[in-house]
Amino acid sequence: MALIWGTAFLFTKIAVTTIPPMTVAAGRLTIAALVLVAAAAAAGERVPRDRGRWSSFVAMAIVGNAVPFFLISWGQVVVDSAVAGVLMAAMPLVTIVLAHFFVESEPLRGVTLAGFTMGFAGIVVLVGPSVLGRVGQNEVVALRQAAILLGAICYACNAILARRLERTPPLVVAAATMTLAAAITLPIALATERPWTRTLSPGSLAAVVHLGLVATAFA
């Protein structure tokens, strides 16, 4: 999972070179939705009927997919992949704090904080400590970096939503949330960014396909 989602920053950076950010988000979600719905149907999974779980699916589609995918794509128009990776590394810290308040079985402990600190330090070492100097370079870059950080917070909130979700087959959850997220983002992308009026490079299109198939559907 770390390998798959880690490389997603690289492919997102390639995608946004010629494809607008909302279109990147909508493209990867639509591809993932088609694959996951087909997989769920092939596996004989049944669609849940209760309103409670569908309310959770809608929340997860928005908070865990539509919003962060757009924010990260929008941010990476100007933010390097390495910086994006460091900013996204804040997600575990936000998750353990939220879990302390919203998941009874996961109270905040010192060992948890120590584990996060070691992990975050490891990420900084891997990408190079110099990357921290590129955080908040100017107002424009800082705003884009803040968008990526907000995307990390969205992922953390989604982790809590998923943890509290009533027991449901994972494939059903993935197919439902991706379909709802695609239904939200695709009309917005078509109406606001009009991607058919732009020159989209083969590399960017291939990157979106990778994001949809590997970093979203398979992940």
N, C-alpha and C. Protein backbone atom coordinates (compact mmCIF):
# COMPACT_ATOMS: atom_id res chain seq x y z
N MET A 1 0.83 -1.20 0.00
CA MET A 1 0.00 0.00 0.00
C MET A 1 0.86 1.25 0.00
N ALA A 2 1.93 1.23 0.81
CA ALA A 2 2.82 2.39 0.84
C ALA A 2 3.48 2.62 -0.51
N LEU A 3 3.87 1.51 -1.16
CA LEU A 3 4.49 1.62 -2.48
C LEU A 3 3.50 2.16 -3.50
N ILE A 4 2.27 1.62 -3.49
CA ILE A 4 1.26 2.05 -4.46
C ILE A 4 0.92 3.52 -4.27
N TRP A 5 0.59 3.90 -3.04
CA TRP A 5 0.18 5.28 -2.82
C TRP A 5 1.35 6.25 -2.85
N GLY A 6 2.55 5.75 -2.54
CA GLY A 6 3.72 6.61 -2.63
C GLY A 6 4.00 7.03 -4.07
N THR A 7 3.87 6.07 -4.99
CA THR A 7 4.10 6.40 -6.40
C THR A 7 2.97 7.25 -6.98
N ALA A 8 1.82 7.29 -6.30
CA ALA A 8 0.70 8.08 -6.80
C ALA A 8 1.06 9.56 -6.91
N PHE A 9 1.94 10.04 -6.04
CA PHE A 9 2.34 11.45 -6.11
C PHE A 9 3.11 11.73 -7.40
N LEU A 10 3.96 10.78 -7.79
CA LEU A 10 4.70 10.94 -9.04
C LEU A 10 3.76 10.97 -10.23
N PHE A 11 2.82 10.03 -10.28
CA PHE A 11 1.91 9.96 -11.42
C PHE A 11 0.91 11.12 -11.43
N THR A 12 0.55 11.62 -10.25
CA THR A 12 -0.30 12.81 -10.20
C THR A 12 0.43 14.01 -10.77
N LYS A 13 1.71 14.14 -10.44
CA LYS A 13 2.52 15.24 -10.97
C LYS A 13 2.59 15.17 -12.48
N ILE A 14 2.73 13.96 -13.03
CA ILE A 14 2.77 13.79 -14.49
C ILE A 14 1.40 14.13 -15.09
N ALA A 15 0.33 13.70 -14.42
CA ALA A 15 -1.01 13.91 -14.96
C ALA A 15 -1.37 15.38 -15.06
N VAL A 16 -1.03 16.17 -14.02
CA VAL A 16 -1.46 17.57 -14.00
C VAL A 16 -0.63 18.47 -14.89
N THR A 17 0.37 17.93 -15.58
CA THR A 17 1.14 18.78 -16.49
C THR A 17 0.28 19.26 -17.65
N THR A 18 -0.68 18.44 -18.10
CA THR A 18 -1.56 18.87 -19.20
C THR A 18 -3.04 18.66 -18.91
N ILE A 19 -3.37 17.98 -17.81
CA ILE A 19 -4.78 17.73 -17.48
C ILE A 19 -5.16 18.53 -16.25
N PRO A 20 -6.28 19.27 -16.27
CA PRO A 20 -6.69 20.06 -15.10
C PRO A 20 -6.95 19.16 -13.89
N PRO A 21 -6.75 19.70 -12.67
CA PRO A 21 -6.80 18.87 -11.46
C PRO A 21 -8.14 18.17 -11.20
N MET A 22 -9.26 18.85 -11.42
CA MET A 22 -10.55 18.19 -11.18
C MET A 22 -10.77 17.06 -12.18
N THR A 23 -10.29 17.25 -13.40
CA THR A 23 -10.40 16.20 -14.42
C THR A 23 -9.54 15.00 -14.05
N VAL A 24 -8.36 15.25 -13.48
CA VAL A 24 -7.52 14.15 -13.01
C VAL A 24 -8.25 13.35 -11.93
N ALA A 25 -8.84 14.07 -10.97
CA ALA A 25 -9.58 13.39 -9.90
C ALA A 25 -10.77 12.62 -10.46
N ALA A 26 -11.54 13.25 -11.35
CA ALA A 26 -12.71 12.60 -11.93
C ALA A 26 -12.32 11.40 -12.78
N GLY A 27 -11.21 11.53 -13.53
CA GLY A 27 -10.77 10.45 -14.39
C GLY A 27 -10.37 9.22 -13.59
N ARG A 28 -9.57 9.41 -12.55
CA ARG A 28 -9.13 8.25 -11.76
C ARG A 28 -10.30 7.63 -11.02
N LEU A 29 -11.24 8.44 -10.56
CA LEU A 29 -12.40 7.90 -9.85
C LEU A 29 -13.34 7.15 -10.79
N THR A 30 -13.54 7.67 -11.99
CA THR A 30 -14.42 7.01 -12.95
C THR A 30 -13.85 5.66 -13.38
N ILE A 31 -12.55 5.63 -13.65
CA ILE A 31 -11.90 4.37 -14.03
C ILE A 31 -12.02 3.37 -12.88
N ALA A 32 -11.73 3.83 -11.66
CA ALA A 32 -11.80 2.94 -10.50
C ALA A 32 -13.21 2.44 -10.27
N ALA A 33 -14.19 3.31 -10.44
CA ALA A 33 -15.59 2.93 -10.22
C ALA A 33 -16.00 1.83 -11.20
N LEU A 34 -15.66 1.99 -12.47
CA LEU A 34 -16.02 0.99 -13.47
C LEU A 34 -15.39 -0.37 -13.15
N VAL A 35 -14.12 -0.36 -12.75
CA VAL A 35 -13.43 -1.61 -12.43
C VAL A 35 -14.04 -2.26 -11.19
N LEU A 36 -14.28 -1.48 -10.16
CA LEU A 36 -14.76 -2.04 -8.89
C LEU A 36 -16.21 -2.51 -8.97
N VAL A 37 -17.04 -1.79 -9.70
CA VAL A 37 -18.42 -2.24 -9.89
C VAL A 37 -18.44 -3.57 -10.64
N ALA A 38 -17.60 -3.69 -11.67
CA ALA A 38 -17.51 -4.95 -12.42
C ALA A 38 -17.00 -6.07 -11.52
N ALA A 39 -16.00 -5.76 -10.69
CA ALA A 39 -15.45 -6.78 -9.79
C ALA A 39 -16.48 -7.22 -8.76
N ALA A 40 -17.24 -6.24 -8.21
CA ALA A 40 -18.27 -6.58 -7.23
C ALA A 40 -19.36 -7.44 -7.85
N ALA A 41 -19.75 -7.10 -9.08
CA ALA A 41 -20.77 -7.88 -9.78
C ALA A 41 -20.28 -9.29 -10.06
N ALA A 42 -19.02 -9.41 -10.50
CA ALA A 42 -18.45 -10.72 -10.79
C ALA A 42 -18.34 -11.58 -9.54
N ALA A 43 -18.12 -10.93 -8.40
CA ALA A 43 -18.00 -11.66 -7.14
C ALA A 43 -19.37 -11.99 -6.53
N GLY A 44 -20.44 -11.50 -7.16
CA GLY A 44 -21.78 -11.78 -6.66
C GLY A 44 -22.16 -10.99 -5.42
N GLU A 45 -21.50 -9.86 -5.20
CA GLU A 45 -21.81 -9.04 -4.03
C GLU A 45 -23.18 -8.36 -4.19
N ARG A 46 -23.87 -8.20 -3.09
CA ARG A 46 -25.18 -7.57 -3.11
C ARG A 46 -25.08 -6.13 -2.63
N VAL A 47 -25.88 -5.27 -3.20
CA VAL A 47 -25.90 -3.86 -2.82
C VAL A 47 -26.71 -3.72 -1.53
N PRO A 48 -26.14 -3.10 -0.50
CA PRO A 48 -26.90 -2.90 0.74
C PRO A 48 -28.08 -1.97 0.53
N ARG A 49 -29.13 -2.18 1.28
CA ARG A 49 -30.36 -1.41 1.11
C ARG A 49 -30.58 -0.38 2.20
N ASP A 50 -29.89 -0.52 3.33
CA ASP A 50 -30.19 0.36 4.47
C ASP A 50 -29.62 1.77 4.26
N ARG A 51 -30.38 2.75 4.73
CA ARG A 51 -30.02 4.16 4.54
C ARG A 51 -28.75 4.53 5.31
N GLY A 52 -28.55 3.90 6.47
CA GLY A 52 -27.41 4.25 7.31
C GLY A 52 -26.09 4.02 6.61
N ARG A 53 -25.94 2.85 5.99
CA ARG A 53 -24.68 2.57 5.32
C ARG A 53 -24.48 3.45 4.09
N TRP A 54 -25.56 3.74 3.37
CA TRP A 54 -25.42 4.61 2.21
C TRP A 54 -25.06 6.04 2.62
N SER A 55 -25.53 6.47 3.79
CA SER A 55 -25.11 7.79 4.31
C SER A 55 -23.61 7.78 4.56
N SER A 56 -23.11 6.67 5.10
CA SER A 56 -21.67 6.55 5.34
C SER A 56 -20.90 6.51 4.02
N PHE A 57 -21.46 5.81 3.03
CA PHE A 57 -20.81 5.75 1.72
C PHE A 57 -20.67 7.15 1.11
N VAL A 58 -21.74 7.94 1.22
CA VAL A 58 -21.71 9.31 0.68
C VAL A 58 -20.62 10.13 1.37
N ALA A 59 -20.58 10.03 2.70
CA ALA A 59 -19.57 10.78 3.46
C ALA A 59 -18.16 10.35 3.07
N MET A 60 -17.95 9.05 2.93
CA MET A 60 -16.63 8.54 2.56
C MET A 60 -16.27 8.92 1.13
N ALA A 61 -17.26 8.95 0.25
CA ALA A 61 -17.01 9.34 -1.14
C ALA A 61 -16.52 10.78 -1.22
N ILE A 62 -17.14 11.65 -0.42
CA ILE A 62 -16.78 13.07 -0.44
C ILE A 62 -15.47 13.32 0.30
N VAL A 63 -15.43 12.87 1.56
CA VAL A 63 -14.29 13.18 2.44
C VAL A 63 -13.05 12.36 2.07
N GLY A 64 -13.26 11.12 1.67
CA GLY A 64 -12.12 10.24 1.44
C GLY A 64 -11.65 10.15 0.01
N ASN A 65 -12.45 10.67 -0.94
CA ASN A 65 -12.08 10.51 -2.34
C ASN A 65 -12.21 11.79 -3.16
N ALA A 66 -13.43 12.29 -3.32
CA ALA A 66 -13.64 13.44 -4.20
C ALA A 66 -12.82 14.65 -3.77
N VAL A 67 -12.95 15.03 -2.51
CA VAL A 67 -12.26 16.25 -2.04
C VAL A 67 -10.74 16.09 -2.00
N PRO A 68 -10.20 15.04 -1.34
CA PRO A 68 -8.74 14.95 -1.29
C PRO A 68 -8.09 14.71 -2.64
N PHE A 69 -8.73 13.93 -3.53
CA PHE A 69 -8.14 13.72 -4.85
C PHE A 69 -8.00 15.04 -5.60
N PHE A 70 -9.03 15.90 -5.48
CA PHE A 70 -8.93 17.20 -6.14
C PHE A 70 -7.87 18.07 -5.47
N LEU A 71 -7.89 18.13 -4.14
CA LEU A 71 -6.96 19.00 -3.42
C LEU A 71 -5.51 18.62 -3.71
N ILE A 72 -5.23 17.32 -3.71
CA ILE A 72 -3.85 16.88 -3.96
C ILE A 72 -3.45 17.17 -5.41
N SER A 73 -4.35 16.92 -6.35
CA SER A 73 -4.05 17.21 -7.76
C SER A 73 -3.84 18.70 -7.97
N TRP A 74 -4.70 19.51 -7.37
CA TRP A 74 -4.58 20.97 -7.49
C TRP A 74 -3.28 21.45 -6.87
N GLY A 75 -2.92 20.89 -5.72
CA GLY A 75 -1.69 21.30 -5.06
C GLY A 75 -0.46 20.92 -5.84
N GLN A 76 -0.49 19.73 -6.46
CA GLN A 76 0.71 19.26 -7.17
C GLN A 76 0.93 19.92 -8.52
N VAL A 77 0.05 20.81 -8.91
CA VAL A 77 0.32 21.60 -10.11
C VAL A 77 1.63 22.37 -9.93
N VAL A 78 1.89 22.81 -8.69
CA VAL A 78 3.12 23.57 -8.43
C VAL A 78 4.01 22.93 -7.36
N VAL A 79 3.50 21.96 -6.63
CA VAL A 79 4.26 21.36 -5.52
C VAL A 79 4.96 20.10 -5.98
N ASP A 80 6.22 19.93 -5.60
CA ASP A 80 7.00 18.74 -5.95
C ASP A 80 6.41 17.50 -5.29
N SER A 81 6.65 16.35 -5.91
CA SER A 81 6.15 15.09 -5.37
C SER A 81 6.73 14.80 -3.99
N ALA A 82 8.01 15.09 -3.80
CA ALA A 82 8.64 14.82 -2.51
C ALA A 82 8.01 15.65 -1.39
N VAL A 83 7.75 16.92 -1.67
CA VAL A 83 7.11 17.78 -0.67
C VAL A 83 5.70 17.29 -0.38
N ALA A 84 5.00 16.87 -1.43
CA ALA A 84 3.65 16.34 -1.25
C ALA A 84 3.67 15.12 -0.34
N GLY A 85 4.68 14.26 -0.53
CA GLY A 85 4.80 13.08 0.30
C GLY A 85 5.02 13.41 1.77
N VAL A 86 5.85 14.40 2.04
CA VAL A 86 6.09 14.82 3.42
C VAL A 86 4.82 15.40 4.03
N LEU A 87 4.11 16.24 3.28
CA LEU A 87 2.88 16.83 3.80
C LEU A 87 1.83 15.76 4.09
N MET A 88 1.72 14.76 3.20
CA MET A 88 0.76 13.69 3.41
C MET A 88 1.13 12.82 4.60
N ALA A 89 2.39 12.85 5.01
CA ALA A 89 2.82 12.05 6.15
C ALA A 89 2.20 12.53 7.46
N ALA A 90 1.54 13.69 7.42
CA ALA A 90 0.84 14.17 8.61
C ALA A 90 -0.42 13.36 8.89
N MET A 91 -0.87 12.60 7.91
CA MET A 91 -2.13 11.86 8.06
C MET A 91 -2.16 10.94 9.28
N PRO A 92 -1.11 10.13 9.54
CA PRO A 92 -1.18 9.24 10.71
C PRO A 92 -1.36 9.99 12.03
N LEU A 93 -0.71 11.15 12.16
CA LEU A 93 -0.84 11.92 13.40
C LEU A 93 -2.28 12.38 13.59
N VAL A 94 -2.88 12.91 12.52
CA VAL A 94 -4.27 13.35 12.61
C VAL A 94 -5.18 12.17 12.89
N THR A 95 -4.88 11.02 12.29
CA THR A 95 -5.71 9.83 12.47
C THR A 95 -5.69 9.36 13.92
N ILE A 96 -4.51 9.27 14.53
CA ILE A 96 -4.44 8.76 15.90
C ILE A 96 -5.10 9.73 16.89
N VAL A 97 -5.04 11.04 16.59
CA VAL A 97 -5.73 12.00 17.46
C VAL A 97 -7.24 11.86 17.32
N LEU A 98 -7.73 11.75 16.08
CA LEU A 98 -9.17 11.58 15.86
C LEU A 98 -9.66 10.26 16.45
N ALA A 99 -8.86 9.20 16.27
CA ALA A 99 -9.25 7.88 16.80
C ALA A 99 -9.39 7.91 18.31
N HIS A 100 -8.56 8.71 18.96
CA HIS A 100 -8.64 8.82 20.42
C HIS A 100 -10.03 9.31 20.87
N PHE A 101 -10.63 10.18 20.08
CA PHE A 101 -11.92 10.76 20.45
C PHE A 101 -13.12 10.00 19.87
N PHE A 102 -12.93 9.33 18.74
CA PHE A 102 -14.08 8.75 18.04
C PHE A 102 -14.08 7.23 17.93
N VAL A 103 -12.98 6.57 18.33
CA VAL A 103 -12.93 5.11 18.32
C VAL A 103 -12.55 4.64 19.72
N GLU A 104 -13.47 4.01 20.42
CA GLU A 104 -13.27 3.66 21.82
C GLU A 104 -12.08 2.74 22.04
N SER A 105 -11.82 1.86 21.08
CA SER A 105 -10.77 0.86 21.27
C SER A 105 -9.38 1.37 20.90
N GLU A 106 -9.25 2.65 20.53
CA GLU A 106 -7.96 3.16 20.08
C GLU A 106 -7.59 4.46 20.81
N PRO A 107 -7.38 4.38 22.14
CA PRO A 107 -6.97 5.59 22.87
C PRO A 107 -5.55 6.00 22.51
N LEU A 108 -5.26 7.27 22.67
CA LEU A 108 -3.94 7.80 22.34
C LEU A 108 -2.95 7.41 23.43
N ARG A 109 -1.87 6.76 23.03
CA ARG A 109 -0.83 6.33 23.97
C ARG A 109 0.52 6.91 23.56
N GLY A 110 1.43 6.95 24.53
CA GLY A 110 2.77 7.47 24.25
C GLY A 110 3.49 6.67 23.20
N VAL A 111 3.31 5.35 23.22
CA VAL A 111 4.00 4.50 22.25
C VAL A 111 3.50 4.79 20.83
N THR A 112 2.21 5.17 20.72
CA THR A 112 1.66 5.51 19.40
C THR A 112 2.33 6.76 18.86
N LEU A 113 2.45 7.78 19.71
CA LEU A 113 3.11 9.02 19.30
C LEU A 113 4.58 8.77 18.95
N ALA A 114 5.23 7.91 19.73
CA ALA A 114 6.63 7.60 19.46
C ALA A 114 6.76 6.91 18.10
N GLY A 115 5.85 6.01 17.81
CA GLY A 115 5.87 5.32 16.52
C GLY A 115 5.67 6.28 15.37
N PHE A 116 4.72 7.21 15.53
CA PHE A 116 4.50 8.20 14.47
C PHE A 116 5.74 9.06 14.27
N THR A 117 6.35 9.51 15.38
CA THR A 117 7.53 10.38 15.28
C THR A 117 8.66 9.69 14.54
N MET A 118 8.88 8.42 14.84
CA MET A 118 9.94 7.67 14.16
C MET A 118 9.61 7.51 12.67
N GLY A 119 8.35 7.21 12.38
CA GLY A 119 7.94 7.05 10.98
C GLY A 119 8.10 8.33 10.19
N PHE A 120 7.66 9.45 10.76
CA PHE A 120 7.76 10.73 10.07
C PHE A 120 9.22 11.11 9.85
N ALA A 121 10.06 10.87 10.87
CA ALA A 121 11.49 11.16 10.72
C ALA A 121 12.10 10.31 9.61
N GLY A 122 11.65 9.05 9.51
CA GLY A 122 12.14 8.18 8.45
C GLY A 122 11.79 8.69 7.07
N ILE A 123 10.58 9.23 6.93
CA ILE A 123 10.16 9.78 5.64
C ILE A 123 11.03 10.97 5.25
N VAL A 124 11.30 11.83 6.24
CA VAL A 124 12.14 13.00 5.97
C VAL A 124 13.54 12.57 5.54
N VAL A 125 14.07 11.52 6.18
CA VAL A 125 15.40 11.02 5.82
C VAL A 125 15.39 10.46 4.40
N LEU A 126 14.33 9.70 4.06
CA LEU A 126 14.25 9.07 2.74
C LEU A 126 14.19 10.09 1.61
N VAL A 127 13.37 11.13 1.78
CA VAL A 127 13.23 12.12 0.70
C VAL A 127 14.31 13.19 0.78
N GLY A 128 15.01 13.25 1.92
CA GLY A 128 16.06 14.25 2.08
C GLY A 128 15.59 15.41 2.94
N PRO A 129 16.29 15.72 4.04
CA PRO A 129 15.88 16.82 4.91
C PRO A 129 15.75 18.15 4.20
N SER A 130 16.46 18.34 3.09
CA SER A 130 16.41 19.61 2.36
C SER A 130 15.02 19.91 1.83
N VAL A 131 14.19 18.86 1.72
CA VAL A 131 12.84 19.07 1.19
C VAL A 131 12.03 19.97 2.11
N LEU A 132 12.35 19.96 3.40
CA LEU A 132 11.61 20.80 4.34
C LEU A 132 11.81 22.28 4.05
N GLY A 133 12.93 22.61 3.43
CA GLY A 133 13.18 24.00 3.09
C GLY A 133 12.29 24.49 1.97
N ARG A 134 11.63 23.59 1.26
CA ARG A 134 10.75 23.98 0.17
C ARG A 134 9.30 24.12 0.62
N VAL A 135 9.06 23.93 1.91
CA VAL A 135 7.71 24.08 2.45
C VAL A 135 7.44 25.56 2.72
N GLY A 136 6.38 26.10 2.14
CA GLY A 136 6.01 27.50 2.36
C GLY A 136 6.96 28.49 1.72
N GLN A 137 7.44 28.20 0.50
CA GLN A 137 8.40 29.09 -0.15
C GLN A 137 7.82 30.48 -0.41
N ASN A 138 6.58 30.55 -0.87
CA ASN A 138 5.90 31.82 -1.08
C ASN A 138 4.41 31.59 -0.93
N GLU A 139 3.62 32.66 -1.06
CA GLU A 139 2.20 32.55 -0.78
C GLU A 139 1.49 31.58 -1.72
N VAL A 140 1.85 31.63 -3.00
CA VAL A 140 1.20 30.74 -3.98
C VAL A 140 1.50 29.29 -3.66
N VAL A 141 2.79 28.99 -3.45
CA VAL A 141 3.19 27.62 -3.14
C VAL A 141 2.61 27.18 -1.81
N ALA A 142 2.62 28.07 -0.83
CA ALA A 142 2.10 27.73 0.50
C ALA A 142 0.62 27.37 0.43
N LEU A 143 -0.14 28.05 -0.42
CA LEU A 143 -1.56 27.75 -0.55
C LEU A 143 -1.75 26.36 -1.15
N ARG A 144 -0.97 26.02 -2.15
CA ARG A 144 -1.07 24.70 -2.75
C ARG A 144 -0.62 23.62 -1.76
N GLN A 145 0.41 23.91 -0.98
CA GLN A 145 0.85 22.95 0.02
C GLN A 145 -0.21 22.77 1.10
N ALA A 146 -0.90 23.85 1.45
CA ALA A 146 -1.98 23.76 2.44
C ALA A 146 -3.11 22.89 1.91
N ALA A 147 -3.35 22.94 0.60
CA ALA A 147 -4.39 22.10 0.00
C ALA A 147 -4.03 20.63 0.14
N ILE A 148 -2.76 20.30 -0.07
CA ILE A 148 -2.32 18.91 0.07
C ILE A 148 -2.44 18.47 1.53
N LEU A 149 -2.06 19.35 2.44
CA LEU A 149 -2.19 19.05 3.87
C LEU A 149 -3.65 18.82 4.25
N LEU A 150 -4.54 19.63 3.69
CA LEU A 150 -5.96 19.44 3.94
C LEU A 150 -6.43 18.10 3.37
N GLY A 151 -5.85 17.70 2.24
CA GLY A 151 -6.16 16.39 1.69
C GLY A 151 -5.76 15.28 2.65
N ALA A 152 -4.61 15.44 3.32
CA ALA A 152 -4.17 14.46 4.32
C ALA A 152 -5.16 14.38 5.48
N ILE A 153 -5.67 15.53 5.88
CA ILE A 153 -6.65 15.57 6.97
C ILE A 153 -7.94 14.88 6.54
N CYS A 154 -8.32 15.07 5.29
CA CYS A 154 -9.50 14.37 4.76
C CYS A 154 -9.31 12.87 4.81
N TYR A 155 -8.13 12.40 4.43
CA TYR A 155 -7.84 10.96 4.48
C TYR A 155 -7.96 10.44 5.91
N ALA A 156 -7.46 11.24 6.86
CA ALA A 156 -7.54 10.83 8.26
C ALA A 156 -8.98 10.72 8.73
N CYS A 157 -9.80 11.70 8.35
CA CYS A 157 -11.22 11.66 8.71
C CYS A 157 -11.89 10.44 8.07
N ASN A 158 -11.49 10.12 6.84
CA ASN A 158 -12.08 8.98 6.16
C ASN A 158 -11.70 7.67 6.85
N ALA A 159 -10.49 7.60 7.38
CA ALA A 159 -10.07 6.40 8.10
C ALA A 159 -10.96 6.15 9.31
N ILE A 160 -11.37 7.22 9.98
CA ILE A 160 -12.27 7.08 11.13
C ILE A 160 -13.66 6.68 10.67
N LEU A 161 -14.13 7.27 9.58
CA LEU A 161 -15.44 6.89 9.04
C LEU A 161 -15.47 5.41 8.66
N ALA A 162 -14.40 4.95 8.02
CA ALA A 162 -14.32 3.54 7.63
C ALA A 162 -14.27 2.63 8.85
N ARG A 163 -13.56 3.07 9.88
CA ARG A 163 -13.43 2.27 11.11
C ARG A 163 -14.78 2.12 11.81
N ARG A 164 -15.62 3.14 11.72
CA ARG A 164 -16.91 3.13 12.40
C ARG A 164 -18.04 2.56 11.53
N LEU A 165 -17.73 2.24 10.29
CA LEU A 165 -18.74 1.72 9.38
C LEU A 165 -19.22 0.34 9.82
N GLU A 166 -20.52 0.12 9.71
CA GLU A 166 -21.07 -1.20 9.99
C GLU A 166 -20.42 -2.24 9.08
N ARG A 167 -20.22 -3.44 9.62
CA ARG A 167 -19.51 -4.48 8.87
C ARG A 167 -20.13 -4.67 7.47
N THR A 168 -19.30 -4.43 6.47
CA THR A 168 -19.73 -4.50 5.06
C THR A 168 -18.59 -5.08 4.24
N PRO A 169 -18.87 -5.93 3.24
CA PRO A 169 -17.79 -6.46 2.40
C PRO A 169 -16.95 -5.34 1.81
N PRO A 170 -15.64 -5.41 1.92
CA PRO A 170 -14.76 -4.33 1.44
C PRO A 170 -14.98 -3.96 -0.03
N LEU A 171 -15.24 -4.95 -0.86
CA LEU A 171 -15.44 -4.67 -2.28
C LEU A 171 -16.70 -3.84 -2.50
N VAL A 172 -17.72 -4.08 -1.69
CA VAL A 172 -18.95 -3.29 -1.78
C VAL A 172 -18.68 -1.85 -1.36
N VAL A 173 -17.94 -1.68 -0.28
CA VAL A 173 -17.61 -0.33 0.20
C VAL A 173 -16.83 0.42 -0.87
N ALA A 174 -15.81 -0.23 -1.43
CA ALA A 174 -14.97 0.42 -2.44
C ALA A 174 -15.78 0.78 -3.68
N ALA A 175 -16.59 -0.15 -4.17
CA ALA A 175 -17.38 0.10 -5.39
C ALA A 175 -18.38 1.22 -5.17
N ALA A 176 -19.05 1.22 -4.03
CA ALA A 176 -20.06 2.23 -3.75
C ALA A 176 -19.44 3.62 -3.60
N THR A 177 -18.36 3.71 -2.82
CA THR A 177 -17.76 5.03 -2.58
C THR A 177 -17.14 5.60 -3.84
N MET A 178 -16.47 4.75 -4.64
CA MET A 178 -15.86 5.24 -5.87
C MET A 178 -16.92 5.69 -6.88
N THR A 179 -18.02 4.95 -6.95
CA THR A 179 -19.09 5.33 -7.88
C THR A 179 -19.71 6.66 -7.48
N LEU A 180 -19.97 6.83 -6.20
CA LEU A 180 -20.54 8.10 -5.73
C LEU A 180 -19.56 9.25 -5.94
N ALA A 181 -18.28 9.02 -5.66
CA ALA A 181 -17.27 10.08 -5.84
C ALA A 181 -17.14 10.46 -7.31
N ALA A 182 -17.19 9.46 -8.19
CA ALA A 182 -17.13 9.74 -9.62
C ALA A 182 -18.35 10.53 -10.07
N ALA A 183 -19.51 10.18 -9.54
CA ALA A 183 -20.74 10.90 -9.90
C ALA A 183 -20.71 12.35 -9.45
N ILE A 184 -19.93 12.63 -8.40
CA ILE A 184 -19.81 14.00 -7.90
C ILE A 184 -18.80 14.80 -8.73
N THR A 185 -17.64 14.21 -8.98
CA THR A 185 -16.54 14.96 -9.60
C THR A 185 -16.65 15.08 -11.12
N LEU A 186 -17.17 14.04 -11.79
CA LEU A 186 -17.19 14.06 -13.25
C LEU A 186 -18.01 15.22 -13.82
N PRO A 187 -19.24 15.48 -13.36
CA PRO A 187 -19.99 16.63 -13.90
C PRO A 187 -19.29 17.96 -13.63
N ILE A 188 -18.66 18.07 -12.46
CA ILE A 188 -17.96 19.32 -12.13
C ILE A 188 -16.79 19.52 -13.07
N ALA A 189 -16.01 18.45 -13.32
CA ALA A 189 -14.86 18.56 -14.22
C ALA A 189 -15.29 18.93 -15.63
N LEU A 190 -16.35 18.30 -16.12
CA LEU A 190 -16.81 18.57 -17.48
C LEU A 190 -17.34 19.99 -17.61
N ALA A 191 -18.02 20.48 -16.58
CA ALA A 191 -18.63 21.81 -16.64
C ALA A 191 -17.62 22.93 -16.44
N THR A 192 -16.63 22.73 -15.58
CA THR A 192 -15.73 23.82 -15.22
C THR A 192 -14.40 23.80 -15.97
N GLU A 193 -13.91 22.62 -16.34
CA GLU A 193 -12.58 22.54 -16.96
C GLU A 193 -12.61 22.16 -18.44
N ARG A 194 -13.75 21.67 -18.92
CA ARG A 194 -13.93 21.37 -20.34
C ARG A 194 -12.68 20.71 -20.93
N PRO A 195 -12.33 19.52 -20.42
CA PRO A 195 -11.06 18.88 -20.83
C PRO A 195 -10.96 18.60 -22.32
N TRP A 196 -12.09 18.45 -23.01
CA TRP A 196 -12.04 18.15 -24.45
C TRP A 196 -11.51 19.34 -25.27
N THR A 197 -11.42 20.53 -24.65
CA THR A 197 -10.91 21.71 -25.36
C THR A 197 -9.40 21.86 -25.18
N ARG A 198 -8.76 20.97 -24.44
CA ARG A 198 -7.35 21.07 -24.13
C ARG A 198 -6.55 20.02 -24.88
N THR A 199 -5.26 20.27 -25.01
CA THR A 199 -4.35 19.28 -25.59
C THR A 199 -3.79 18.44 -24.46
N LEU A 200 -4.20 17.19 -24.40
CA LEU A 200 -3.80 16.30 -23.32
C LEU A 200 -2.70 15.37 -23.82
N SER A 201 -1.58 15.36 -23.14
CA SER A 201 -0.45 14.56 -23.59
C SER A 201 -0.69 13.07 -23.30
N PRO A 202 -0.11 12.19 -24.11
CA PRO A 202 -0.24 10.74 -23.86
C PRO A 202 0.30 10.35 -22.48
N GLY A 203 1.37 11.03 -22.05
CA GLY A 203 1.93 10.71 -20.74
C GLY A 203 0.97 11.03 -19.61
N SER A 204 0.30 12.18 -19.71
CA SER A 204 -0.68 12.56 -18.68
C SER A 204 -1.86 11.61 -18.68
N LEU A 205 -2.34 11.23 -19.86
CA LEU A 205 -3.46 10.30 -19.95
C LEU A 205 -3.08 8.94 -19.37
N ALA A 206 -1.87 8.47 -19.67
CA ALA A 206 -1.40 7.20 -19.11
C ALA A 206 -1.29 7.27 -17.60
N ALA A 207 -0.87 8.44 -17.10
CA ALA A 207 -0.76 8.61 -15.65
C ALA A 207 -2.12 8.52 -14.98
N VAL A 208 -3.14 9.10 -15.60
CA VAL A 208 -4.50 9.03 -15.04
C VAL A 208 -5.00 7.59 -15.04
N VAL A 209 -4.71 6.86 -16.11
CA VAL A 209 -5.11 5.45 -16.18
C VAL A 209 -4.44 4.66 -15.06
N HIS A 210 -3.14 4.91 -14.84
CA HIS A 210 -2.44 4.25 -13.74
C HIS A 210 -3.07 4.62 -12.40
N LEU A 211 -3.36 5.89 -12.21
CA LEU A 211 -3.97 6.33 -10.95
C LEU A 211 -5.32 5.63 -10.73
N GLY A 212 -6.09 5.50 -11.80
CA GLY A 212 -7.40 4.87 -11.68
C GLY A 212 -7.33 3.39 -11.40
N LEU A 213 -6.48 2.69 -12.18
CA LEU A 213 -6.42 1.23 -12.08
C LEU A 213 -5.63 0.76 -10.85
N VAL A 214 -4.46 1.34 -10.65
CA VAL A 214 -3.55 0.85 -9.62
C VAL A 214 -3.72 1.60 -8.30
N ALA A 215 -3.55 2.94 -8.34
CA ALA A 215 -3.53 3.72 -7.10
C ALA A 215 -4.91 3.93 -6.49
N THR A 216 -5.97 3.57 -7.24
CA THR A 216 -7.32 3.75 -6.69
C THR A 216 -8.06 2.43 -6.64
N ALA A 217 -8.33 1.81 -7.78
CA ALA A 217 -9.13 0.57 -7.78
C ALA A 217 -8.40 -0.56 -7.05
N PHE A 218 -7.17 -0.86 -7.45
CA PHE A 218 -6.44 -1.96 -6.83
C PHE A 218 -6.11 -1.64 -5.38
N ALA A 219 -5.71 -0.39 -5.12
CA ALA A 219 -5.37 0.00 -3.74
C ALA A 219 -6.59 -0.10 -2.83
